[in-house]
PDB file of N, CA and C in Angstrom:
ATOM      1  N   MET A   1     101.356  85.979  94.116  1.00  0.00           N
ATOM      2  CA  MET A   1     100.429  85.731  94.380  1.00  0.00           C
ATOM      3  C   MET A   1      99.477  85.731  92.831  1.00  0.00           C
ATOM      4  N   HIS A   2      98.960  84.713  92.345  1.00  0.00           N
ATOM      5  CA  HIS A   2      98.316  84.796  91.262  1.00  0.00           C
ATOM      6  C   HIS A   2      97.173  85.914  91.407  1.00  0.00           C
ATOM      7  N   PRO A   3      96.702  86.809  90.144  1.00  0.00           N
ATOM      8  CA  PRO A   3      95.998  87.715  90.048  1.00  0.00           C
ATOM      9  C   PRO A   3      94.347  87.564  90.392  1.00  0.00           C
ATOM     10  N   TYR A   4      93.829  86.391  90.150  1.00  0.00           N
ATOM     11  CA  TYR A   4      92.724  85.832  90.760  1.00  0.00           C
ATOM     12  C   TYR A   4      92.836  85.488  91.939  1.00  0.00           C
ATOM     13  N   ILE A   5      93.648  84.948  92.645  1.00  0.00           N
ATOM     14  CA  ILE A   5      93.495  84.806  93.964  1.00  0.00           C
ATOM     15  C   ILE A   5      93.664  85.947  94.492  1.00  0.00           C
ATOM     16  N   SER A   6      94.271  86.902  94.456  1.00  0.00           N
ATOM     17  CA  SER A   6      94.437  87.963  95.615  1.00  0.00           C
ATOM     18  C   SER A   6      93.129  88.827  94.590  1.00  0.00           C
ATOM     19  N   GLY A   7      92.769  88.776  93.722  1.00  0.00           N
ATOM     20  CA  GLY A   7      91.436  89.791  93.226  1.00  0.00           C
ATOM     21  C   GLY A   7      90.177  89.256  94.051  1.00  0.00           C
ATOM     22  N   ILE A   8      90.044  87.994  94.217  1.00  0.00           N
ATOM     23  CA  ILE A   8      89.003  87.349  95.100  1.00  0.00           C
ATOM     24  C   ILE A   8      88.992  87.684  96.331  1.00  0.00           C
ATOM     25  N   ILE A   9      90.333  87.779  97.011  1.00  0.00           N
ATOM     26  CA  ILE A   9      90.347  87.982  98.269  1.00  0.00           C
ATOM     27  C   ILE A   9      90.298  89.680  98.727  1.00  0.00           C
ATOM     28  N   GLY A  10      90.507  90.368  97.359  1.00  0.00           N
ATOM     29  CA  GLY A  10      89.966  91.823  97.594  1.00  0.00           C
ATOM     30  C   GLY A  10      88.569  92.010  97.333  1.00  0.00           C
ATOM     31  N   ILE A  11      87.930  90.876  96.463  1.00  0.00           N
ATOM     32  CA  ILE A  11      86.388  91.380  95.996  1.00  0.00           C
ATOM     33  C   ILE A  11      85.848  90.999  97.908  1.00  0.00           C
ATOM     34  N   ILE A  12      86.285  89.823  98.360  1.00  0.00           N
ATOM     35  CA  ILE A  12      85.868  89.657  99.556  1.00  0.00           C
ATOM     36  C   ILE A  12      85.880  90.386 100.704  1.00  0.00           C
ATOM     37  N   ALA A  13      87.039  91.179 100.659  1.00  0.00           N
ATOM     38  CA  ALA A  13      87.428  91.891 101.758  1.00  0.00           C
ATOM     39  C   ALA A  13      86.597  93.173 101.512  1.00  0.00           C
ATOM     40  N   GLY A  14      86.152  93.850 100.172  1.00  0.00           N
ATOM     41  CA  GLY A  14      85.594  94.607  99.941  1.00  0.00           C
ATOM     42  C   GLY A  14      83.677  94.625 100.472  1.00  0.00           C
ATOM     43  N   LEU A  15      83.605  93.424 100.098  1.00  0.00           N
ATOM     44  CA  LEU A  15      81.845  93.033 100.314  1.00  0.00           C
ATOM     45  C   LEU A  15      82.125  92.930 102.049  1.00  0.00           C
ATOM     46  N   ALA A  16      82.941  92.421 102.581  1.00  0.00           N
ATOM     47  CA  ALA A  16      82.881  92.274 104.145  1.00  0.00           C
ATOM     48  C   ALA A  16      82.751  93.877 104.854  1.00  0.00           C
ATOM     49  N   ILE A  17      83.486  94.359 103.831  1.00  0.00           N
ATOM     50  CA  ILE A  17      83.665  96.341 104.448  1.00  0.00           C
ATOM     51  C   ILE A  17      81.843  96.866 104.463  1.00  0.00           C
ATOM     52  N   LEU A  18      81.430  96.266 103.264  1.00  0.00           N
ATOM     53  CA  LEU A  18      80.415  96.895 102.744  1.00  0.00           C
ATOM     54  C   LEU A  18      79.346  96.241 103.845  1.00  0.00           C
ATOM     55  N   LYS A  19      79.204  95.062 103.931  1.00  0.00           N
ATOM     56  CA  LYS A  19      78.330  94.034 105.017  1.00  0.00           C
ATOM     57  C   LYS A  19      78.317  94.937 106.293  1.00  0.00           C
ATOM     58  N   TYR A  20      79.592  94.728 106.987  1.00  0.00           N
ATOM     59  CA  TYR A  20      80.200  95.074 108.199  1.00  0.00           C
ATOM     60  C   TYR A  20      80.388  96.621 108.876  1.00  0.00           C
ATOM     61  N   ARG A  21      80.097  97.553 107.837  1.00  0.00           N
ATOM     62  CA  ARG A  21      80.318  98.622 108.021  1.00  0.00           C
ATOM     63  C   ARG A  21      80.131  99.180 109.451  1.00  0.00           C
ATOM     64  N   ARG A  22      78.779  99.017 109.852  1.00  0.00           N
ATOM     65  CA  ARG A  22      78.634  99.525 111.036  1.00  0.00           C
ATOM     66  C   ARG A  22      79.614  98.839 112.365  1.00  0.00           C
ATOM     67  N   GLN A  23      79.817  97.825 112.287  1.00  0.00           N
ATOM     68  CA  GLN A  23      80.725  97.336 113.149  1.00  0.00           C
ATOM     69  C   GLN A  23      82.511  97.960 112.682  1.00  0.00           C
ATOM     70  N   VAL A  24      82.395  98.310 111.623  1.00  0.00           N
ATOM     71  CA  VAL A  24      83.838  99.062 111.352  1.00  0.00           C
ATOM     72  C   VAL A  24      83.918 100.244 111.893  1.00  0.00           C
ATOM     73  N   LYS A  25      82.705 100.905 111.723  1.00  0.00           N
ATOM     74  CA  LYS A  25      82.594 102.082 112.487  1.00  0.00           C
ATOM     75  C   LYS A  25      82.872 102.341 113.668  1.00  0.00           C
ATOM     76  N   GLU A  26      82.086 101.532 114.403  1.00  0.00           N
ATOM     77  CA  GLU A  26      82.322 101.562 116.024  1.00  0.00           C
ATOM     78  C   GLU A  26      83.611 101.424 116.189  1.00  0.00           C
ATOM     79  N   MET A  27      84.089 100.032 115.559  1.00  0.00           N
ATOM     80  CA  MET A  27      85.894  99.624 116.042  1.00  0.00           C
ATOM     81  C   MET A  27      86.406 101.167 115.839  1.00  0.00           C
ATOM     82  N   MET A  28      86.586 101.775 114.344  1.00  0.00           N
ATOM     83  CA  MET A  28      87.174 102.970 114.442  1.00  0.00           C
ATOM     84  C   MET A  28      87.155 104.505 114.975  1.00  0.00           C
ATOM     85  N   GLY A  29      85.705 104.402 115.066  1.00  0.00           N
ATOM     86  CA  GLY A  29      85.257 105.921 115.859  1.00  0.00           C
ATOM     87  C   GLY A  29      85.187 106.469 114.306  1.00  0.00           C
ATOM     88  N   ASP A  30      85.019 108.018 114.829  1.00  0.00           N
ATOM     89  CA  ASP A  30      84.260 108.854 113.906  1.00  0.00           C
ATOM     90  C   ASP A  30      85.636 109.371 112.983  1.00  0.00           C
ATOM     91  N   ILE A  31      85.439 109.543 111.463  1.00  0.00           N
ATOM     92  CA  ILE A  31      86.524 110.350 110.961  1.00  0.00           C
ATOM     93  C   ILE A  31      86.056 111.660 111.016  1.00  0.00           C
ATOM     94  N   ASN A  32      86.945 112.538 111.735  1.00  0.00           N
ATOM     95  CA  ASN A  32      86.427 113.978 111.674  1.00  0.00           C
ATOM     96  C   ASN A  32      85.871 114.597 110.052  1.00  0.00           C
ATOM     97  N   PHE A  33      87.387 114.394 109.528  1.00  0.00           N
ATOM     98  CA  PHE A  33      86.883 115.271 107.929  1.00  0.00           C
ATOM     99  C   PHE A  33      85.732 114.478 107.367  1.00  0.00           C
ATOM    100  N   ALA A  34      85.625 113.471 107.296  1.00  0.00           N
ATOM    101  CA  ALA A  34      84.208 112.839 106.833  1.00  0.00           C
ATOM    102  C   ALA A  34      83.393 113.951 107.401  1.00  0.00           C
ATOM    103  N   GLU A  35      83.383 113.992 108.713  1.00  0.00           N
ATOM    104  CA  GLU A  35      82.171 114.353 109.417  1.00  0.00           C
ATOM    105  C   GLU A  35      81.849 116.051 109.227  1.00  0.00           C
ATOM    106  N   LYS A  36      83.008 116.447 109.125  1.00  0.00           N
ATOM    107  CA  LYS A  36      82.924 117.864 108.750  1.00  0.00           C
ATOM    108  C   LYS A  36      82.370 118.001 107.191  1.00  0.00           C
ATOM    109  N   TYR A  37      82.987 117.397 106.276  1.00  0.00           N
ATOM    110  CA  TYR A  37      82.869 118.063 104.855  1.00  0.00           C
ATOM    111  C   TYR A  37      81.540 117.111 104.047  1.00  0.00           C
ATOM    112  N   LEU A  38      81.368 116.098 104.733  1.00  0.00           N
ATOM    113  CA  LEU A  38      80.111 115.197 104.283  1.00  0.00           C
ATOM    114  C   LEU A  38      78.970 115.357 105.204  1.00  0.00           C
ATOM    115  N   GLY A  39      78.810 115.666 106.091  1.00  0.00           N
ATOM    116  CA  GLY A  39      78.028 116.188 107.096  1.00  0.00           C
ATOM    117  C   GLY A  39      77.598 114.614 108.124  1.00  0.00           C
ATOM    118  N   MET A  40      76.681 114.754 108.544  1.00  0.00           N
ATOM    119  CA  MET A  40      76.178 113.595 109.673  1.00  0.00           C
ATOM    120  C   MET A  40      76.117 112.263 108.852  1.00  0.00           C
ATOM    121  N   GLY A  41      77.091 111.574 109.181  1.00  0.00           N
ATOM    122  CA  GLY A  41      76.867 110.104 108.845  1.00  0.00           C
ATOM    123  C   GLY A  41      77.872 110.094 107.418  1.00  0.00           C
ATOM    124  N   GLY A  42      78.952 111.028 107.499  1.00  0.00           N
ATOM    125  CA  GLY A  42      79.881 110.917 106.722  1.00  0.00           C
ATOM    126  C   GLY A  42      81.037 109.709 107.028  1.00  0.00           C
ATOM    127  N   THR A  43      81.174 109.521 108.235  1.00  0.00           N
ATOM    128  CA  THR A  43      82.299 108.306 108.217  1.00  0.00           C
ATOM    129  C   THR A  43      81.319 107.106 107.816  1.00  0.00           C
ATOM    130  N   TYR A  44      80.407 106.696 107.718  1.00  0.00           N
ATOM    131  CA  TYR A  44      79.783 105.287 106.750  1.00  0.00           C
ATOM    132  C   TYR A  44      79.788 105.778 105.641  1.00  0.00           C
ATOM    133  N   THR A  45      79.958 106.839 105.048  1.00  0.00           N
ATOM    134  CA  THR A  45      80.111 107.304 103.454  1.00  0.00           C
ATOM    135  C   THR A  45      81.058 106.982 103.243  1.00  0.00           C
ATOM    136  N   ILE A  46      82.410 107.247 103.962  1.00  0.00           N
ATOM    137  CA  ILE A  46      83.711 107.007 103.543  1.00  0.00           C
ATOM    138  C   ILE A  46      83.940 105.557 103.449  1.00  0.00           C
ATOM    139  N   ILE A  47      83.599 104.635 104.634  1.00  0.00           N
ATOM    140  CA  ILE A  47      83.455 103.095 104.716  1.00  0.00           C
ATOM    141  C   ILE A  47      82.960 102.761 103.372  1.00  0.00           C
ATOM    142  N   LEU A  48      81.915 103.191 103.284  1.00  0.00           N
ATOM    143  CA  LEU A  48      81.062 102.452 102.008  1.00  0.00           C
ATOM    144  C   LEU A  48      81.991 102.982 100.608  1.00  0.00           C
ATOM    145  N   ILE A  49      82.468 104.314 100.330  1.00  0.00           N
ATOM    146  CA  ILE A  49      83.301 104.323  99.170  1.00  0.00           C
ATOM    147  C   ILE A  49      84.541 103.493  99.187  1.00  0.00           C
ATOM    148  N   ILE A  50      85.054 103.453 100.187  1.00  0.00           N
ATOM    149  CA  ILE A  50      86.603 102.443 100.333  1.00  0.00           C
ATOM    150  C   ILE A  50      85.977 100.850 100.333  1.00  0.00           C
ATOM    151  N   GLY A  51      84.970 100.470 100.812  1.00  0.00           N
ATOM    152  CA  GLY A  51      84.453  99.091 100.039  1.00  0.00           C
ATOM    153  C   GLY A  51      84.256  98.810  98.791  1.00  0.00           C
ATOM    154  N   VAL A  52      83.626 100.055  98.118  1.00  0.00           N
ATOM    155  CA  VAL A  52      83.149  99.910  96.821  1.00  0.00           C
ATOM    156  C   VAL A  52      84.140  99.732  95.909  1.00  0.00           C
ATOM    157  N   LEU A  53      85.736 100.431  96.313  1.00  0.00           N
ATOM    158  CA  LEU A  53      86.923 100.789  95.700  1.00  0.00           C
ATOM    159  C   LEU A  53      87.505  99.868  95.456  1.00  0.00           C
ATOM    160  N   THR A  54      87.382  99.155  96.886  1.00  0.00           N
ATOM    161  CA  THR A  54      88.171  97.901  97.008  1.00  0.00           C
ATOM    162  C   THR A  54      87.572  97.141  95.842  1.00  0.00           C
ATOM    163  N   VAL A  55      86.542  96.662  95.831  1.00  0.00           N
ATOM    164  CA  VAL A  55      85.815  95.737  94.972  1.00  0.00           C
ATOM    165  C   VAL A  55      86.023  96.073  93.596  1.00  0.00           C
ATOM    166  N   ILE A  56      86.128  97.342  93.269  1.00  0.00           N
ATOM    167  CA  ILE A  56      86.525  98.095  91.809  1.00  0.00           C
ATOM    168  C   ILE A  56      87.553  97.682  91.409  1.00  0.00           C
ATOM    169  N   PHE A  57      88.552  97.916  92.358  1.00  0.00           N
ATOM    170  CA  PHE A  57      90.241  97.661  92.021  1.00  0.00           C
ATOM    171  C   PHE A  57      90.385  96.395  91.925  1.00  0.00           C
ATOM    172  N   SER A  58      89.739  95.664  92.697  1.00  0.00           N
ATOM    173  CA  SER A  58      90.161  94.210  92.926  1.00  0.00           C
ATOM    174  C   SER A  58      89.739  93.276  91.593  1.00  0.00           C
ATOM    175  N   ILE A  59      88.607  93.829  91.141  1.00  0.00           N
ATOM    176  CA  ILE A  59      87.963  93.224  89.612  1.00  0.00           C
ATOM    177  C   ILE A  59      88.988  93.954  88.745  1.00  0.00           C
ATOM    178  N   MET A  60      89.434  95.107  88.866  1.00  0.00           N
ATOM    179  CA  MET A  60      90.450  95.264  87.460  1.00  0.00           C
ATOM    180  C   MET A  60      91.484  94.656  87.903  1.00  0.00           C
ATOM    181  N   HIS A  61      92.221  94.246  88.670  1.00  0.00           N
ATOM    182  CA  HIS A  61      93.444  93.770  89.474  1.00  0.00           C
ATOM    183  C   HIS A  61      93.103  92.163  88.582  1.00  0.00           C
ATOM    184  N   MET A  62      92.088  91.312  88.700  1.00  0.00           N
ATOM    185  CA  MET A  62      91.926  90.320  88.512  1.00  0.00           C
ATOM    186  C   MET A  62      92.266  90.337  86.637  1.00  0.00           C
ATOM    187  N   PHE A  63      91.794  91.142  85.979  1.00  0.00           N
ATOM    188  CA  PHE A  63      91.437  90.909  84.629  1.00  0.00           C
ATOM    189  C   PHE A  63      92.616  92.077  83.982  1.00  0.00           C
ATOM    190  N   GLY A  64      93.478  92.523  84.673  1.00  0.00           N
ATOM    191  CA  GLY A  64      94.669  93.242  84.154  1.00  0.00           C
ATOM    192  C   GLY A  64      94.139  94.862  83.519  1.00  0.00           C
ATOM    193  N   GLY A  65      93.563  95.341  84.336  1.00  0.00           N
ATOM    194  CA  GLY A  65      93.273  96.324  83.863  1.00  0.00           C
ATOM    195  C   GLY A  65      93.826  97.341  85.162  1.00  0.00           C
ATOM    196  N   LEU A  66      94.296  97.025  85.995  1.00  0.00           N
ATOM    197  CA  LEU A  66      94.582  97.665  87.196  1.00  0.00           C
ATOM    198  C   LEU A  66      96.093  98.756  87.032  1.00  0.00           C
ATOM    199  N   GLY A  67      96.661  97.812  86.533  1.00  0.00           N
ATOM    200  CA  GLY A  67      98.307  98.177  85.936  1.00  0.00           C
ATOM    201  C   GLY A  67      98.482  99.041  85.274  1.00  0.00           C
ATOM    202  N   SER A  68      97.274  98.959  83.885  1.00  0.00           N
ATOM    203  CA  SER A  68      97.337 100.194  82.837  1.00  0.00           C
ATOM    204  C   SER A  68      96.666 101.359  83.164  1.00  0.00           C
ATOM    205  N   PHE A  69      95.766 101.196  84.313  1.00  0.00           N
ATOM    206  CA  PHE A  69      94.925 102.382  84.511  1.00  0.00           C
ATOM    207  C   PHE A  69      95.730 103.353  85.322  1.00  0.00           C
ATOM    208  N   LEU A  70      96.365 102.512  86.347  1.00  0.00           N
ATOM    209  CA  LEU A  70      97.446 103.123  87.490  1.00  0.00           C
ATOM    210  C   LEU A  70      98.599 103.822  86.602  1.00  0.00           C
ATOM    211  N   GLY A  71      99.281 102.860  85.618  1.00  0.00           N
ATOM    212  CA  GLY A  71     100.169 103.507  84.278  1.00  0.00           C
ATOM    213  C   GLY A  71     100.055 104.760  83.612  1.00  0.00           C
ATOM    214  N   GLY A  72      98.936 104.647  83.129  1.00  0.00           N
ATOM    215  CA  GLY A  72      98.028 106.276  82.606  1.00  0.00           C
ATOM    216  C   GLY A  72      98.024 107.059  83.846  1.00  0.00           C
ATOM    217  N   LEU A  73      97.689 106.649  84.757  1.00  0.00           N
ATOM    218  CA  LEU A  73      97.217 107.816  85.844  1.00  0.00           C
ATOM    219  C   LEU A  73      98.722 108.458  86.544  1.00  0.00           C
ATOM    220  N   PHE A  74      99.332 107.561  86.785  1.00  0.00           N
ATOM    221  CA  PHE A  74     100.767 107.895  87.650  1.00  0.00           C
ATOM    222  C   PHE A  74     102.060 107.616  87.056  1.00  0.00           C
ATOM    223  N   GLY A  75     101.804 107.502  85.744  1.00  0.00           N
ATOM    224  CA  GLY A  75     103.006 107.130  84.940  1.00  0.00           C
ATOM    225  C   GLY A  75     104.151 108.200  84.392  1.00  0.00           C
ATOM    226  N   TRP A  76     103.692 109.568  84.947  1.00  0.00           N
ATOM    227  CA  TRP A  76     104.337 110.771  84.797  1.00  0.00           C
ATOM    228  C   TRP A  76     105.801 110.551  85.883  1.00  0.00           C
ATOM    229  N   LEU A  77     104.853 109.891  87.032  1.00  0.00           N
ATOM    230  CA  LEU A  77     106.310 109.891  88.094  1.00  0.00           C
ATOM    231  C   LEU A  77     107.193 109.097  87.908  1.00  0.00           C
ATOM    232  N   ILE A  78     106.932 108.367  87.078  1.00  0.00           N
ATOM    233  CA  ILE A  78     108.469 107.296  87.010  1.00  0.00           C
ATOM    234  C   ILE A  78     109.389 108.021  85.984  1.00  0.00           C
ATOM    235  N   PRO A  79     110.934 107.699  86.891  1.00  0.00           N
ATOM    236  CA  PRO A  79     111.675 108.241  85.778  1.00  0.00           C
ATOM    237  C   PRO A  79     111.944 107.924  84.678  1.00  0.00           C
ATOM    238  N   GLY A  80     112.067 108.215  84.059  1.00  0.00           N
ATOM    239  CA  GLY A  80     112.670 107.938  82.222  1.00  0.00           C
ATOM    240  C   GLY A  80     111.229 107.832  81.652  1.00  0.00           C
ATOM    241  N   ASN A  81     110.135 107.607  81.944  1.00  0.00           N
ATOM    242  CA  ASN A  81     108.840 107.532  81.691  1.00  0.00           C
ATOM    243  C   ASN A  81     108.334 108.492  81.161  1.00  0.00           C
ATOM    244  N   LYS A  82     108.646 109.152  79.696  1.00  0.00           N
ATOM    245  CA  LYS A  82     108.191 110.408  79.217  1.00  0.00           C
ATOM    246  C   LYS A  82     106.972 110.120  78.250  1.00  0.00           C
ATOM    247  N   LYS A  83     105.957 111.069  78.534  1.00  0.00           N
ATOM    248  CA  LYS A  83     104.392 111.026  78.182  1.00  0.00           C
ATOM    249  C   LYS A  83     104.362 112.573  77.310  1.00  0.00           C
TER     250      LYS A  83
END
């Protein structure tokens, strides 16, 4: 799939997560570790973070920055890649 098409789909999905986070939370229920470590409303916070990261990573994918970002971050895991 072309990066622009998948990027736009990712942006739309991320914005939908942000807009409908209450319905997403009701569908999923509470996320125990989020409620424990982030306090009351931690589930909403995690859903918000996931939505924002989805939008950011989709924009990075559209413009070719995601591959270099992940390569720099996790490139040492690839066999034969010496850094």
